[in-house]
Structure formats: C-alpha cells, structure tokens
Amino acid sequence: MLMPTSVNLPETPEQLAALVERIQAGEELVLTKAGIAIARLVPTQPRIPSQDKGKVIIADGFNAPLPDEILNDFLNPA
C-alpha cells in the first residue's frame, strides 16, 4: 500500500480540479494547511447493488413507538 501524498490546501478551483483527477486515478491525498493535516481524500469504492444483501437485519419492532420515558428524554433533554 502506498503512503498518501501530502498537498497544501488548494486555493483555486483549478487546483481542486487537478487534485480530484489524481484521486479519480486512484491516488490517496492528505490535504494540509500550514503543515498540519486537515483531511484525507481517497477514491471511493464503486457501490454494487445488493452487495450487502442478507447482512443487515431489521428488528421486527424497529418502527414501533418509543417508550414514553425514552421519548421524553429526546423531547425534553436535561
């Protein structure tokens, strides 16, 4: 695995566009400002429909109303 390349925060839209092209090409970048890392930009993995099918289970009572004591905590936080 390659180490990410550090680059200064882009100041113009053209600089940002060039960075996006590098990311789309598979490069991982770390944005820095005054020498301090502020963000890591990585290419995304393509989403494959149904790739997680069967891995997520929704409980039967998921949409049931919350009990009053829990609901009150949301509506009237201390």
PDB file of N, CA and C in Angstrom:
ATOM      1  N   MET A   1       0.846  -1.178   0.000  1.00  0.00           N
ATOM      2  CA  MET A   1       0.000   0.000   0.000  1.00  0.00           C
ATOM      3  C   MET A   1       0.891   1.242   0.000  1.00  0.00           C
ATOM      4  N   LEU A   2       0.615   2.156  -0.895  1.00  0.00           N
ATOM      5  CA  LEU A   2       1.391   3.380  -0.994  1.00  0.00           C
ATOM      6  C   LEU A   2       0.988   4.366   0.093  1.00  0.00           C
ATOM      7  N   MET A   3       1.957   5.128   0.542  1.00  0.00           N
ATOM      8  CA  MET A   3       1.669   6.187   1.505  1.00  0.00           C
ATOM      9  C   MET A   3       0.967   7.324   0.771  1.00  0.00           C
ATOM     10  N   PRO A   4       0.012   7.983   1.434  1.00  0.00           N
ATOM     11  CA  PRO A   4      -0.659   9.111   0.779  1.00  0.00           C
ATOM     12  C   PRO A   4       0.305  10.270   0.555  1.00  0.00           C
ATOM     13  N   THR A   5       0.031  11.046  -0.469  1.00  0.00           N
ATOM     14  CA  THR A   5       0.816  12.224  -0.788  1.00  0.00           C
ATOM     15  C   THR A   5       0.224  13.425  -0.071  1.00  0.00           C
ATOM     16  N   SER A   6       1.059  14.220   0.586  1.00  0.00           N
ATOM     17  CA  SER A   6       0.591  15.433   1.248  1.00  0.00           C
ATOM     18  C   SER A   6       0.605  16.583   0.266  1.00  0.00           C
ATOM     19  N   VAL A   7      -0.488  17.345   0.245  1.00  0.00           N
ATOM     20  CA  VAL A   7      -0.574  18.519  -0.624  1.00  0.00           C
ATOM     21  C   VAL A   7      -1.182  19.663   0.173  1.00  0.00           C
ATOM     22  N   ASN A   8      -0.748  20.886  -0.133  1.00  0.00           N
ATOM     23  CA  ASN A   8      -1.321  22.055   0.518  1.00  0.00           C
ATOM     24  C   ASN A   8      -2.753  22.256   0.070  1.00  0.00           C
ATOM     25  N   LEU A   9      -3.559  22.805   0.952  1.00  0.00           N
ATOM     26  CA  LEU A   9      -4.953  23.090   0.648  1.00  0.00           C
ATOM     27  C   LEU A   9      -5.042  23.916  -0.625  1.00  0.00           C
ATOM     28  N   PRO A  10      -5.826  23.472  -1.613  1.00  0.00           N
ATOM     29  CA  PRO A  10      -5.920  24.219  -2.861  1.00  0.00           C
ATOM     30  C   PRO A  10      -6.554  25.593  -2.647  1.00  0.00           C
ATOM     31  N   GLU A  11      -6.047  26.562  -3.387  1.00  0.00           N
ATOM     32  CA  GLU A  11      -6.552  27.926  -3.254  1.00  0.00           C
ATOM     33  C   GLU A  11      -7.471  28.328  -4.404  1.00  0.00           C
ATOM     34  N   THR A  12      -7.480  27.552  -5.479  1.00  0.00           N
ATOM     35  CA  THR A  12      -8.310  27.890  -6.626  1.00  0.00           C
ATOM     36  C   THR A  12      -9.100  26.673  -7.085  1.00  0.00           C
ATOM     37  N   PRO A  13     -10.210  26.904  -7.782  1.00  0.00           N
ATOM     38  CA  PRO A  13     -10.980  25.779  -8.323  1.00  0.00           C
ATOM     39  C   PRO A  13     -10.156  24.910  -9.266  1.00  0.00           C
ATOM     40  N   GLU A  14      -9.237  25.516 -10.001  1.00  0.00           N
ATOM     41  CA  GLU A  14      -8.415  24.742 -10.929  1.00  0.00           C
ATOM     42  C   GLU A  14      -7.518  23.763 -10.174  1.00  0.00           C
ATOM     43  N   GLN A  15      -6.953  24.218  -9.054  1.00  0.00           N
ATOM     44  CA  GLN A  15      -6.109  23.332  -8.252  1.00  0.00           C
ATOM     45  C   GLN A  15      -6.933  22.175  -7.692  1.00  0.00           C
ATOM     46  N   LEU A  16      -8.143  22.465  -7.239  1.00  0.00           N
ATOM     47  CA  LEU A  16      -9.011  21.425  -6.706  1.00  0.00           C
ATOM     48  C   LEU A  16      -9.366  20.415  -7.795  1.00  0.00           C
ATOM     49  N   ALA A  17      -9.664  20.894  -8.987  1.00  0.00           N
ATOM     50  CA  ALA A  17     -10.000  20.001 -10.093  1.00  0.00           C
ATOM     51  C   ALA A  17      -8.843  19.062 -10.396  1.00  0.00           C
ATOM     52  N   ALA A  18      -7.620  19.578 -10.344  1.00  0.00           N
ATOM     53  CA  ALA A  18      -6.449  18.738 -10.610  1.00  0.00           C
ATOM     54  C   ALA A  18      -6.300  17.664  -9.531  1.00  0.00           C
ATOM     55  N   LEU A  19      -6.573  18.024  -8.275  1.00  0.00           N
ATOM     56  CA  LEU A  19      -6.499  17.041  -7.189  1.00  0.00           C
ATOM     57  C   LEU A  19      -7.563  15.967  -7.358  1.00  0.00           C
ATOM     58  N   VAL A  20      -8.762  16.366  -7.753  1.00  0.00           N
ATOM     59  CA  VAL A  20      -9.847  15.399  -7.964  1.00  0.00           C
ATOM     60  C   VAL A  20      -9.455  14.400  -9.056  1.00  0.00           C
ATOM     61  N   GLU A  21      -8.811  14.880 -10.096  1.00  0.00           N
ATOM     62  CA  GLU A  21      -8.363  13.970 -11.154  1.00  0.00           C
ATOM     63  C   GLU A  21      -7.353  12.958 -10.619  1.00  0.00           C
ATOM     64  N   ARG A  22      -6.458  13.400  -9.757  1.00  0.00           N
ATOM     65  CA  ARG A  22      -5.475  12.482  -9.176  1.00  0.00           C
ATOM     66  C   ARG A  22      -6.175  11.427  -8.316  1.00  0.00           C
ATOM     67  N   ILE A  23      -7.179  11.857  -7.548  1.00  0.00           N
ATOM     68  CA  ILE A  23      -7.920  10.920  -6.699  1.00  0.00           C
ATOM     69  C   ILE A  23      -8.677   9.919  -7.557  1.00  0.00           C
ATOM     70  N   GLN A  24      -9.308  10.405  -8.631  1.00  0.00           N
ATOM     71  CA  GLN A  24     -10.036   9.506  -9.526  1.00  0.00           C
ATOM     72  C   GLN A  24      -9.102   8.486 -10.161  1.00  0.00           C
ATOM     73  N   ALA A  25      -7.836   8.847 -10.300  1.00  0.00           N
ATOM     74  CA  ALA A  25      -6.851   7.926 -10.872  1.00  0.00           C
ATOM     75  C   ALA A  25      -6.365   6.911  -9.832  1.00  0.00           C
ATOM     76  N   GLY A  26      -6.857   7.036  -8.589  1.00  0.00           N
ATOM     77  CA  GLY A  26      -6.530   6.053  -7.566  1.00  0.00           C
ATOM     78  C   GLY A  26      -5.564   6.533  -6.498  1.00  0.00           C
ATOM     79  N   GLU A  27      -5.133   7.782  -6.572  1.00  0.00           N
ATOM     80  CA  GLU A  27      -4.176   8.293  -5.602  1.00  0.00           C
ATOM     81  C   GLU A  27      -4.883   8.736  -4.321  1.00  0.00           C
ATOM     82  N   GLU A  28      -4.234   8.508  -3.185  1.00  0.00           N
ATOM     83  CA  GLU A  28      -4.734   8.974  -1.901  1.00  0.00           C
ATOM     84  C   GLU A  28      -3.956  10.218  -1.519  1.00  0.00           C
ATOM     85  N   LEU A  29      -4.671  11.284  -1.131  1.00  0.00           N
ATOM     86  CA  LEU A  29      -4.037  12.556  -0.814  1.00  0.00           C
ATOM     87  C   LEU A  29      -4.391  12.989   0.603  1.00  0.00           C
ATOM     88  N   VAL A  30      -3.455  13.666   1.259  1.00  0.00           N
ATOM     89  CA  VAL A  30      -3.700  14.285   2.547  1.00  0.00           C
ATOM     90  C   VAL A  30      -3.585  15.786   2.343  1.00  0.00           C
ATOM     91  N   LEU A  31      -4.690  16.505   2.600  1.00  0.00           N
ATOM     92  CA  LEU A  31      -4.662  17.963   2.490  1.00  0.00           C
ATOM     93  C   LEU A  31      -4.058  18.541   3.757  1.00  0.00           C
ATOM     94  N   THR A  32      -3.174  19.514   3.578  1.00  0.00           N
ATOM     95  CA  THR A  32      -2.547  20.162   4.715  1.00  0.00           C
ATOM     96  C   THR A  32      -2.781  21.660   4.649  1.00  0.00           C
ATOM     97  N   LYS A  33      -2.766  22.282   5.815  1.00  0.00           N
ATOM     98  CA  LYS A  33      -2.866  23.737   5.914  1.00  0.00           C
ATOM     99  C   LYS A  33      -1.845  24.152   6.965  1.00  0.00           C
ATOM    100  N   ALA A  34      -0.914  24.985   6.561  1.00  0.00           N
ATOM    101  CA  ALA A  34       0.181  25.408   7.445  1.00  0.00           C
ATOM    102  C   ALA A  34       0.936  24.194   7.984  1.00  0.00           C
ATOM    103  N   GLY A  35       1.081  23.169   7.141  1.00  0.00           N
ATOM    104  CA  GLY A  35       1.833  21.985   7.519  1.00  0.00           C
ATOM    105  C   GLY A  35       1.094  20.994   8.395  1.00  0.00           C
ATOM    106  N   ILE A  36      -0.184  21.244   8.676  1.00  0.00           N
ATOM    107  CA  ILE A  36      -0.977  20.356   9.533  1.00  0.00           C
ATOM    108  C   ILE A  36      -2.013  19.635   8.675  1.00  0.00           C
ATOM    109  N   ALA A  37      -2.061  18.327   8.795  1.00  0.00           N
ATOM    110  CA  ALA A  37      -3.032  17.530   8.038  1.00  0.00           C
ATOM    111  C   ALA A  37      -4.443  17.875   8.501  1.00  0.00           C
ATOM    112  N   ILE A  38      -5.330  18.162   7.530  1.00  0.00           N
ATOM    113  CA  ILE A  38      -6.712  18.511   7.875  1.00  0.00           C
ATOM    114  C   ILE A  38      -7.737  17.567   7.243  1.00  0.00           C
ATOM    115  N   ALA A  39      -7.326  16.839   6.197  1.00  0.00           N
ATOM    116  CA  ALA A  39      -8.280  15.921   5.556  1.00  0.00           C
ATOM    117  C   ALA A  39      -7.520  14.882   4.755  1.00  0.00           C
ATOM    118  N   ARG A  40      -8.127  13.719   4.638  1.00  0.00           N
ATOM    119  CA  ARG A  40      -7.574  12.659   3.788  1.00  0.00           C
ATOM    120  C   ARG A  40      -8.596  12.386   2.699  1.00  0.00           C
ATOM    121  N   LEU A  41      -8.167  12.456   1.466  1.00  0.00           N
ATOM    122  CA  LEU A  41      -9.050  12.233   0.322  1.00  0.00           C
ATOM    123  C   LEU A  41      -8.660  10.921  -0.346  1.00  0.00           C
ATOM    124  N   VAL A  42      -9.621  10.038  -0.470  1.00  0.00           N
ATOM    125  CA  VAL A  42      -9.365   8.722  -1.062  1.00  0.00           C
ATOM    126  C   VAL A  42     -10.425   8.434  -2.117  1.00  0.00           C
ATOM    127  N   PRO A  43     -10.063   7.658  -3.122  1.00  0.00           N
ATOM    128  CA  PRO A  43     -11.077   7.281  -4.108  1.00  0.00           C
ATOM    129  C   PRO A  43     -12.113   6.360  -3.456  1.00  0.00           C
ATOM    130  N   THR A  44     -13.345   6.495  -3.884  1.00  0.00           N
ATOM    131  CA  THR A  44     -14.400   5.647  -3.332  1.00  0.00           C
ATOM    132  C   THR A  44     -14.437   4.316  -4.056  1.00  0.00           C
ATOM    133  N   GLN A  45     -14.992   3.345  -3.376  1.00  0.00           N
ATOM    134  CA  GLN A  45     -15.210   2.041  -3.992  1.00  0.00           C
ATOM    135  C   GLN A  45     -16.567   2.088  -4.686  1.00  0.00           C
ATOM    136  N   PRO A  46     -16.660   1.565  -5.885  1.00  0.00           N
ATOM    137  CA  PRO A  46     -17.963   1.592  -6.555  1.00  0.00           C
ATOM    138  C   PRO A  46     -18.991   0.789  -5.764  1.00  0.00           C
ATOM    139  N   ARG A  47     -20.189   1.316  -5.693  1.00  0.00           N
ATOM    140  CA  ARG A  47     -21.268   0.618  -4.996  1.00  0.00           C
ATOM    141  C   ARG A  47     -21.862  -0.413  -5.922  1.00  0.00           C
ATOM    142  N   ILE A  48     -21.933  -1.615  -5.436  1.00  0.00           N
ATOM    143  CA  ILE A  48     -22.505  -2.713  -6.207  1.00  0.00           C
ATOM    144  C   ILE A  48     -23.874  -3.023  -5.613  1.00  0.00           C
ATOM    145  N   PRO A  49     -24.950  -2.850  -6.406  1.00  0.00           N
ATOM    146  CA  PRO A  49     -26.282  -3.120  -5.875  1.00  0.00           C
ATOM    147  C   PRO A  49     -26.374  -4.523  -5.278  1.00  0.00           C
ATOM    148  N   SER A  50     -26.977  -4.617  -4.125  1.00  0.00           N
ATOM    149  CA  SER A  50     -27.225  -5.871  -3.411  1.00  0.00           C
ATOM    150  C   SER A  50     -25.968  -6.510  -2.842  1.00  0.00           C
ATOM    151  N   GLN A  51     -24.845  -5.784  -2.789  1.00  0.00           N
ATOM    152  CA  GLN A  51     -23.614  -6.394  -2.292  1.00  0.00           C
ATOM    153  C   GLN A  51     -23.717  -6.774  -0.811  1.00  0.00           C
ATOM    154  N   ASP A  52     -24.597  -6.117  -0.066  1.00  0.00           N
ATOM    155  CA  ASP A  52     -24.746  -6.426   1.350  1.00  0.00           C
ATOM    156  C   ASP A  52     -26.051  -7.152   1.656  1.00  0.00           C
ATOM    157  N   LYS A  53     -26.689  -7.669   0.632  1.00  0.00           N
ATOM    158  CA  LYS A  53     -27.956  -8.361   0.825  1.00  0.00           C
ATOM    159  C   LYS A  53     -27.775  -9.524   1.808  1.00  0.00           C
ATOM    160  N   GLY A  54     -28.673  -9.582   2.785  1.00  0.00           N
ATOM    161  CA  GLY A  54     -28.629 -10.643   3.769  1.00  0.00           C
ATOM    162  C   GLY A  54     -27.708 -10.352   4.944  1.00  0.00           C
ATOM    163  N   LYS A  55     -26.969  -9.249   4.922  1.00  0.00           N
ATOM    164  CA  LYS A  55     -26.046  -8.915   6.003  1.00  0.00           C
ATOM    165  C   LYS A  55     -26.663  -7.991   7.041  1.00  0.00           C
ATOM    166  N   VAL A  56     -27.770  -7.352   6.699  1.00  0.00           N
ATOM    167  CA  VAL A  56     -28.419  -6.413   7.602  1.00  0.00           C
ATOM    168  C   VAL A  56     -29.778  -6.970   7.991  1.00  0.00           C
ATOM    169  N   ILE A  57     -30.033  -6.975   9.290  1.00  0.00           N
ATOM    170  CA  ILE A  57     -31.315  -7.476   9.779  1.00  0.00           C
ATOM    171  C   ILE A  57     -31.999  -6.345  10.542  1.00  0.00           C
ATOM    172  N   ILE A  58     -33.226  -6.037  10.176  1.00  0.00           N
ATOM    173  CA  ILE A  58     -34.015  -5.012  10.848  1.00  0.00           C
ATOM    174  C   ILE A  58     -34.948  -5.721  11.829  1.00  0.00           C
ATOM    175  N   ALA A  59     -34.866  -5.340  13.092  1.00  0.00           N
ATOM    176  CA  ALA A  59     -35.704  -5.964  14.123  1.00  0.00           C
ATOM    177  C   ALA A  59     -37.174  -5.720  13.836  1.00  0.00           C
ATOM    178  N   ASP A  60     -38.006  -6.656  14.227  1.00  0.00           N
ATOM    179  CA  ASP A  60     -39.446  -6.554  13.981  1.00  0.00           C
ATOM    180  C   ASP A  60     -40.038  -5.276  14.567  1.00  0.00           C
ATOM    181  N   GLY A  61     -39.592  -4.850  15.733  1.00  0.00           N
ATOM    182  CA  GLY A  61     -40.157  -3.673  16.377  1.00  0.00           C
ATOM    183  C   GLY A  61     -39.436  -2.376  16.036  1.00  0.00           C
ATOM    184  N   PHE A  62     -38.670  -2.363  14.984  1.00  0.00           N
ATOM    185  CA  PHE A  62     -37.853  -1.190  14.646  1.00  0.00           C
ATOM    186  C   PHE A  62     -38.680   0.091  14.546  1.00  0.00           C
ATOM    187  N   ASN A  63     -39.823   0.020  13.920  1.00  0.00           N
ATOM    188  CA  ASN A  63     -40.649   1.209  13.729  1.00  0.00           C
ATOM    189  C   ASN A  63     -41.689   1.409  14.829  1.00  0.00           C
ATOM    190  N   ALA A  64     -41.624   0.611  15.874  1.00  0.00           N
ATOM    191  CA  ALA A  64     -42.586   0.748  16.976  1.00  0.00           C
ATOM    192  C   ALA A  64     -42.323   2.058  17.716  1.00  0.00           C
ATOM    193  N   PRO A  65     -43.356   2.668  18.269  1.00  0.00           N
ATOM    194  CA  PRO A  65     -43.154   3.901  19.037  1.00  0.00           C
ATOM    195  C   PRO A  65     -42.208   3.663  20.210  1.00  0.00           C
ATOM    196  N   LEU A  66     -41.440   4.688  20.557  1.00  0.00           N
ATOM    197  CA  LEU A  66     -40.534   4.586  21.700  1.00  0.00           C
ATOM    198  C   LEU A  66     -41.332   4.614  22.998  1.00  0.00           C
ATOM    199  N   PRO A  67     -40.830   3.951  24.034  1.00  0.00           N
ATOM    200  CA  PRO A  67     -41.482   4.070  25.337  1.00  0.00           C
ATOM    201  C   PRO A  67     -41.453   5.536  25.783  1.00  0.00           C
ATOM    202  N   ASP A  68     -42.459   5.953  26.551  1.00  0.00           N
ATOM    203  CA  ASP A  68     -42.585   7.350  26.967  1.00  0.00           C
ATOM    204  C   ASP A  68     -41.335   7.875  27.661  1.00  0.00           C
ATOM    205  N   GLU A  69     -40.709   7.067  28.539  1.00  0.00           N
ATOM    206  CA  GLU A  69     -39.538   7.562  29.268  1.00  0.00           C
ATOM    207  C   GLU A  69     -38.359   7.855  28.331  1.00  0.00           C
ATOM    208  N   ILE A  70     -38.227   7.113  27.281  1.00  0.00           N
ATOM    209  CA  ILE A  70     -37.157   7.382  26.304  1.00  0.00           C
ATOM    210  C   ILE A  70     -37.548   8.547  25.405  1.00  0.00           C
ATOM    211  N   LEU A  71     -38.782   8.561  24.947  1.00  0.00           N
ATOM    212  CA  LEU A  71     -39.259   9.646  24.108  1.00  0.00           C
ATOM    213  C   LEU A  71     -39.144  10.991  24.821  1.00  0.00           C
ATOM    214  N   ASN A  72     -39.478  11.032  26.104  1.00  0.00           N
ATOM    215  CA  ASN A  72     -39.382  12.266  26.883  1.00  0.00           C
ATOM    216  C   ASN A  72     -37.947  12.770  26.967  1.00  0.00           C
ATOM    217  N   ASP A  73     -36.971  11.854  27.029  1.00  0.00           N
ATOM    218  CA  ASP A  73     -35.570  12.269  27.064  1.00  0.00           C
ATOM    219  C   ASP A  73     -35.181  12.985  25.768  1.00  0.00           C
ATOM    220  N   PHE A  74     -35.750  12.565  24.656  1.00  0.00           N
ATOM    221  CA  PHE A  74     -35.470  13.224  23.379  1.00  0.00           C
ATOM    222  C   PHE A  74     -36.171  14.581  23.298  1.00  0.00           C
ATOM    223  N   LEU A  75     -37.410  14.620  23.764  1.00  0.00           N
ATOM    224  CA  LEU A  75     -38.198  15.834  23.650  1.00  0.00           C
ATOM    225  C   LEU A  75     -37.839  16.884  24.699  1.00  0.00           C
ATOM    226  N   ASN A  76     -37.380  16.432  25.857  1.00  0.00           N
ATOM    227  CA  ASN A  76     -37.032  17.343  26.959  1.00  0.00           C
ATOM    228  C   ASN A  76     -35.680  16.992  27.534  1.00  0.00           C
ATOM    229  N   PRO A  77     -34.599  17.238  26.778  1.00  0.00           N
ATOM    230  CA  PRO A  77     -33.273  16.877  27.306  1.00  0.00           C
ATOM    231  C   PRO A  77     -32.947  17.706  28.546  1.00  0.00           C
ATOM    232  N   ALA A  78     -32.214  17.116  29.459  1.00  0.00           N
ATOM    233  CA  ALA A  78     -31.876  17.791  30.724  1.00  0.00           C
ATOM    234  C   ALA A  78     -30.916  18.935  30.510  1.00  0.00           C
TER     235      ALA A  78
END
